Amino acid sequence: MRVFVADHPLITHKLTVLRDKDTAQPTFRALIEEIVTLLAYEATREVIVEEIEVETPVRKTVGVRLAHPVPLVVPILRAGLGMLEGMVKLLPTAEVGFLGMARDETTFQPLTYAERLPENLEGRQCYVLDPMLATGGSLAAAVQFLFDRGADDVTAVCVLAAPEGIERLRKTTEGRNVTLVLGAVDERLNEHGYIVPGLGDAGDRLYGTID
C-alpha cells in the first residue's frame, strides 16, 4: 500500500479550522469540500488517460482525456457524502457509486447496510471517500468490497487518519494495488476508537446528530 500525506500549508490551515469545536456547520462543510479538492489533485496523479486529437484555433494537436471506463468515485455513507462535491469538481466525468458502512460502537466492527455499485468493476479505477480513518475497519471492508467486485486499483482519500487505522488497512490490503491519500496523520486512537486530537464525529459535524 502506498501512503501519501499532503504537506501543504493551505490544507494544514483548513484542518486547524475544522478541528475547532466552535466551527459552524456550514463552514465545516465548505472546508471539507475544499480540502478534498486539494487531496484529489494528489489522488489522481495516476489516473489513466488516453490520447486524443483536438484542433486548436491554430492547428491540430494531441492531448489526453480520461480513459474508458471512467473512474468510479465511491463515498462511504454518510460522512463520505460531504467529500463528494470536492472530488467530482476535479473529476466531473467520473461515475459515482455509494457504499453504506457503519461501525458497531461496541465491537468497532464494520457493517454494510447499503450499496449502489456496478456489478463488475474490472478495469475500473476506484476512489473511496471517507473523512476519518480511525480503526480502519470500515475503510478496509469497503476496499475489499470493491476488490470483490473486480476492481484492481483502489485509492482511498481521507481527511485525517490514526496510525492504527493506517496499519490495519496496510495489513488487510497486502498484495493489492491500494493508495491512501491523507490530509494529516494524528497521534492515536482513544479508548472509544476516536482519533486524537481529531475533529470529533465528522458525520455529525457535517449533517447534525441523528438520535
Protein backbone atom coordinates (compact mmCIF):
# COMPACT_ATOMS: atom_id res chain seq x y z
CA MET A 1 0.00 0.00 0.00
CA ARG A 2 1.29 3.43 -0.95
CA VAL A 3 0.63 6.22 1.56
CA PHE A 4 0.74 9.91 0.67
CA VAL A 5 0.31 12.55 3.39
CA ALA A 6 -0.32 16.01 1.96
CA ASP A 7 2.18 18.58 3.13
CA HIS A 8 0.59 21.87 2.14
CA PRO A 9 0.07 24.93 4.31
CA LEU A 10 -3.44 25.52 2.94
CA ILE A 11 -4.52 22.03 3.97
CA THR A 12 -2.97 22.46 7.42
CA HIS A 13 -4.71 25.82 7.83
CA LYS A 14 -8.10 24.43 6.82
CA LEU A 15 -7.64 21.40 9.07
CA THR A 16 -6.96 23.70 12.01
CA VAL A 17 -10.32 25.42 11.49
CA LEU A 18 -12.04 22.03 11.09
CA ARG A 19 -10.66 20.85 14.42
CA ASP A 20 -12.09 23.84 16.31
CA LYS A 21 -15.21 22.65 18.13
CA ASP A 22 -16.79 26.08 17.61
CA THR A 23 -16.56 26.00 13.81
CA ALA A 24 -20.09 26.35 12.44
CA GLN A 25 -21.63 23.54 10.39
CA PRO A 26 -21.77 25.49 7.07
CA THR A 27 -18.10 26.42 7.43
CA PHE A 28 -17.21 22.82 8.31
CA ARG A 29 -18.94 21.56 5.17
CA ALA A 30 -17.25 24.12 2.94
CA LEU A 31 -13.80 23.32 4.36
CA ILE A 32 -14.23 19.58 3.87
CA GLU A 33 -15.08 20.21 0.23
CA GLU A 34 -12.06 22.49 -0.24
CA ILE A 35 -9.65 20.06 1.44
CA VAL A 36 -10.90 17.14 -0.64
CA THR A 37 -10.36 19.07 -3.88
CA LEU A 38 -6.76 19.67 -2.82
CA LEU A 39 -6.33 15.99 -1.89
CA ALA A 40 -7.97 14.89 -5.14
CA TYR A 41 -5.18 16.59 -7.07
CA GLU A 42 -2.70 14.17 -5.46
CA ALA A 43 -5.04 11.19 -5.53
CA THR A 44 -5.48 11.39 -9.31
CA ARG A 45 -1.79 11.56 -10.26
CA GLU A 46 -2.01 8.02 -11.66
CA VAL A 47 -5.42 8.37 -13.29
CA ILE A 48 -5.50 6.53 -16.61
CA VAL A 49 -5.73 8.72 -19.72
CA GLU A 50 -5.74 8.13 -23.45
CA GLU A 51 -4.52 10.29 -26.31
CA ILE A 52 -6.98 12.35 -28.33
CA GLU A 53 -6.51 14.67 -31.28
CA VAL A 54 -8.01 18.15 -30.99
CA GLU A 55 -7.97 21.17 -33.26
CA THR A 56 -6.97 24.48 -31.71
CA PRO A 57 -7.61 27.84 -33.45
CA VAL A 58 -4.07 27.46 -34.84
CA ARG A 59 -3.64 23.77 -35.74
CA LYS A 60 -4.31 20.19 -34.75
CA THR A 61 -2.53 18.76 -31.72
CA VAL A 62 -2.61 15.72 -29.49
CA GLY A 63 -3.79 15.86 -25.87
CA VAL A 64 -5.28 13.39 -23.43
CA ARG A 65 -8.64 12.60 -21.87
CA LEU A 66 -9.78 10.21 -19.18
CA ALA A 67 -9.72 6.68 -20.49
CA HIS A 68 -12.76 4.42 -20.54
CA PRO A 69 -14.15 3.03 -18.38
CA VAL A 70 -14.11 6.31 -16.48
CA PRO A 71 -13.11 6.37 -12.80
CA LEU A 72 -15.65 5.45 -10.15
CA VAL A 73 -15.95 7.66 -7.06
CA VAL A 74 -17.39 5.86 -4.02
CA PRO A 75 -18.25 7.90 -0.91
CA ILE A 76 -18.85 5.82 2.21
CA LEU A 77 -22.20 6.86 3.70
CA ARG A 78 -22.92 9.05 5.44
CA ALA A 79 -19.86 11.18 6.17
CA GLY A 80 -18.26 10.45 2.81
CA LEU A 81 -21.06 12.35 1.10
CA GLY A 82 -19.55 15.57 2.44
CA MET A 83 -16.43 14.82 0.37
CA LEU A 84 -18.18 14.01 -2.90
CA GLU A 85 -18.53 17.53 -4.32
CA GLY A 86 -14.87 18.29 -3.70
CA MET A 87 -13.84 15.14 -5.59
CA VAL A 88 -16.12 15.49 -8.61
CA LYS A 89 -15.01 19.09 -9.09
CA LEU A 90 -11.73 17.60 -10.25
CA LEU A 91 -13.30 14.53 -11.91
CA PRO A 92 -16.58 15.85 -13.35
CA THR A 93 -16.96 12.97 -15.82
CA ALA A 94 -16.44 10.24 -13.21
CA GLU A 95 -19.29 7.94 -12.26
CA VAL A 96 -20.46 7.87 -8.65
CA GLY A 97 -21.40 4.84 -6.59
CA PHE A 98 -22.38 4.60 -2.94
CA LEU A 99 -21.46 2.23 -0.15
CA GLY A 100 -23.10 2.31 3.25
CA MET A 101 -20.73 1.26 6.03
CA ALA A 102 -21.41 1.66 9.75
CA ARG A 103 -19.27 0.88 12.78
CA ASP A 104 -20.64 -1.11 15.66
CA GLU A 105 -19.74 1.15 18.59
CA THR A 106 -19.33 -1.86 20.90
CA THR A 107 -17.18 -4.15 18.76
CA PHE A 108 -15.83 -1.45 16.39
CA GLN A 109 -16.52 -3.93 13.54
CA PRO A 110 -17.86 -2.63 10.19
CA LEU A 111 -21.35 -3.41 8.94
CA THR A 112 -22.50 -3.00 5.32
CA TYR A 113 -26.09 -1.75 5.15
CA ALA A 114 -26.38 -0.39 1.58
CA GLU A 115 -24.60 -0.36 -1.77
CA ARG A 116 -25.16 1.12 -5.20
CA LEU A 117 -22.27 -0.02 -7.39
CA PRO A 118 -21.76 -1.62 -10.80
CA GLU A 119 -21.77 -5.40 -10.62
CA ASN A 120 -18.46 -5.62 -12.49
CA LEU A 121 -15.62 -3.24 -11.64
CA GLU A 122 -12.99 -4.94 -13.76
CA GLY A 123 -10.62 -2.37 -15.25
CA ARG A 124 -12.08 0.49 -13.18
CA GLN A 125 -10.04 2.89 -11.08
CA CYS A 126 -11.98 3.44 -7.86
CA TYR A 127 -11.69 6.37 -5.45
CA VAL A 128 -13.12 5.74 -1.99
CA LEU A 129 -14.03 8.75 0.16
CA ASP A 130 -14.15 8.58 3.96
CA PRO A 131 -13.16 11.59 6.08
CA MET A 132 -11.82 9.70 9.11
CA LEU A 133 -9.57 6.63 9.04
CA ALA A 134 -9.83 5.63 12.70
CA THR A 135 -9.76 1.88 13.45
CA GLY A 136 -9.62 1.18 9.72
CA GLY A 137 -12.36 -1.44 9.85
CA SER A 138 -14.94 0.34 7.69
CA LEU A 139 -12.48 1.51 5.06
CA ALA A 140 -10.78 -1.90 4.86
CA ALA A 141 -14.18 -3.55 4.39
CA ALA A 142 -15.14 -1.03 1.71
CA VAL A 143 -11.89 -1.56 -0.20
CA GLN A 144 -12.35 -5.32 -0.01
CA PHE A 145 -15.93 -4.93 -1.27
CA LEU A 146 -14.59 -3.16 -4.38
CA PHE A 147 -11.94 -5.80 -4.98
CA ASP A 148 -14.60 -8.49 -4.64
CA ARG A 149 -16.48 -6.74 -7.48
CA GLY A 150 -13.41 -6.96 -9.70
CA ALA A 151 -11.58 -3.68 -9.07
CA ASP A 152 -7.80 -3.89 -9.24
CA ASP A 153 -6.85 -0.27 -8.48
CA VAL A 154 -8.31 1.49 -5.43
CA THR A 155 -7.34 4.88 -3.99
CA ALA A 156 -8.74 5.90 -0.60
CA VAL A 157 -8.96 9.60 0.26
CA CYS A 158 -9.25 10.58 3.94
CA VAL A 159 -9.01 13.94 5.69
CA LEU A 160 -7.50 12.51 8.89
CA ALA A 161 -6.05 9.16 9.92
CA ALA A 162 -4.77 7.44 13.04
CA PRO A 163 -1.65 5.26 12.85
CA GLU A 164 -3.69 2.25 13.98
CA GLY A 165 -6.08 2.64 11.04
CA ILE A 166 -3.27 3.00 8.52
CA GLU A 167 -1.61 -0.16 9.79
CA ARG A 168 -4.85 -2.15 9.69
CA LEU A 169 -5.55 -1.05 6.14
CA ARG A 170 -1.98 -1.93 5.18
CA LYS A 171 -2.31 -5.45 6.58
CA THR A 172 -5.74 -6.18 5.13
CA THR A 173 -4.81 -4.96 1.63
CA GLU A 174 -1.40 -6.61 1.41
CA GLY A 175 -0.63 -7.57 -2.16
CA ARG A 176 -3.35 -5.31 -3.55
CA ASN A 177 -2.98 -2.15 -5.65
CA VAL A 178 -4.04 0.38 -3.00
CA THR A 179 -3.10 4.03 -2.49
CA LEU A 180 -4.00 6.03 0.61
CA VAL A 181 -4.08 9.84 0.36
CA LEU A 182 -4.35 11.75 3.66
CA GLY A 183 -4.65 15.31 4.83
CA ALA A 184 -2.82 14.50 8.08
CA VAL A 185 -1.92 11.67 10.44
CA ASP A 186 -2.89 12.27 14.07
CA GLU A 187 -1.44 10.84 17.28
CA ARG A 188 -3.55 7.79 18.13
CA LEU A 189 -6.98 6.37 18.92
CA ASN A 190 -8.57 6.79 22.32
CA GLU A 191 -10.36 4.06 24.26
CA HIS A 192 -13.58 4.80 22.35
CA GLY A 193 -11.95 4.35 18.94
CA TYR A 194 -11.87 8.06 18.10
CA ILE A 195 -8.91 9.85 16.55
CA VAL A 196 -6.89 12.07 18.93
CA PRO A 197 -6.76 15.04 18.66
CA GLY A 198 -9.04 14.56 15.64
CA LEU A 199 -12.05 16.74 14.96
CA GLY A 200 -14.90 14.79 16.54
CA ASP A 201 -17.54 12.87 14.61
CA ALA A 202 -17.28 14.10 11.01
CA GLY A 203 -20.76 12.89 10.09
CA ASP A 204 -22.40 14.71 12.98
CA ARG A 205 -20.46 17.88 12.27
CA LEU A 206 -21.40 17.73 8.60
CA TYR A 207 -25.08 16.86 8.94
CA GLY A 208 -26.06 17.13 12.60
CA THR A 209 -26.66 14.50 15.26
CA ILE A 210 -29.20 11.80 14.49
CA ASP A 211 -30.77 10.31 17.61
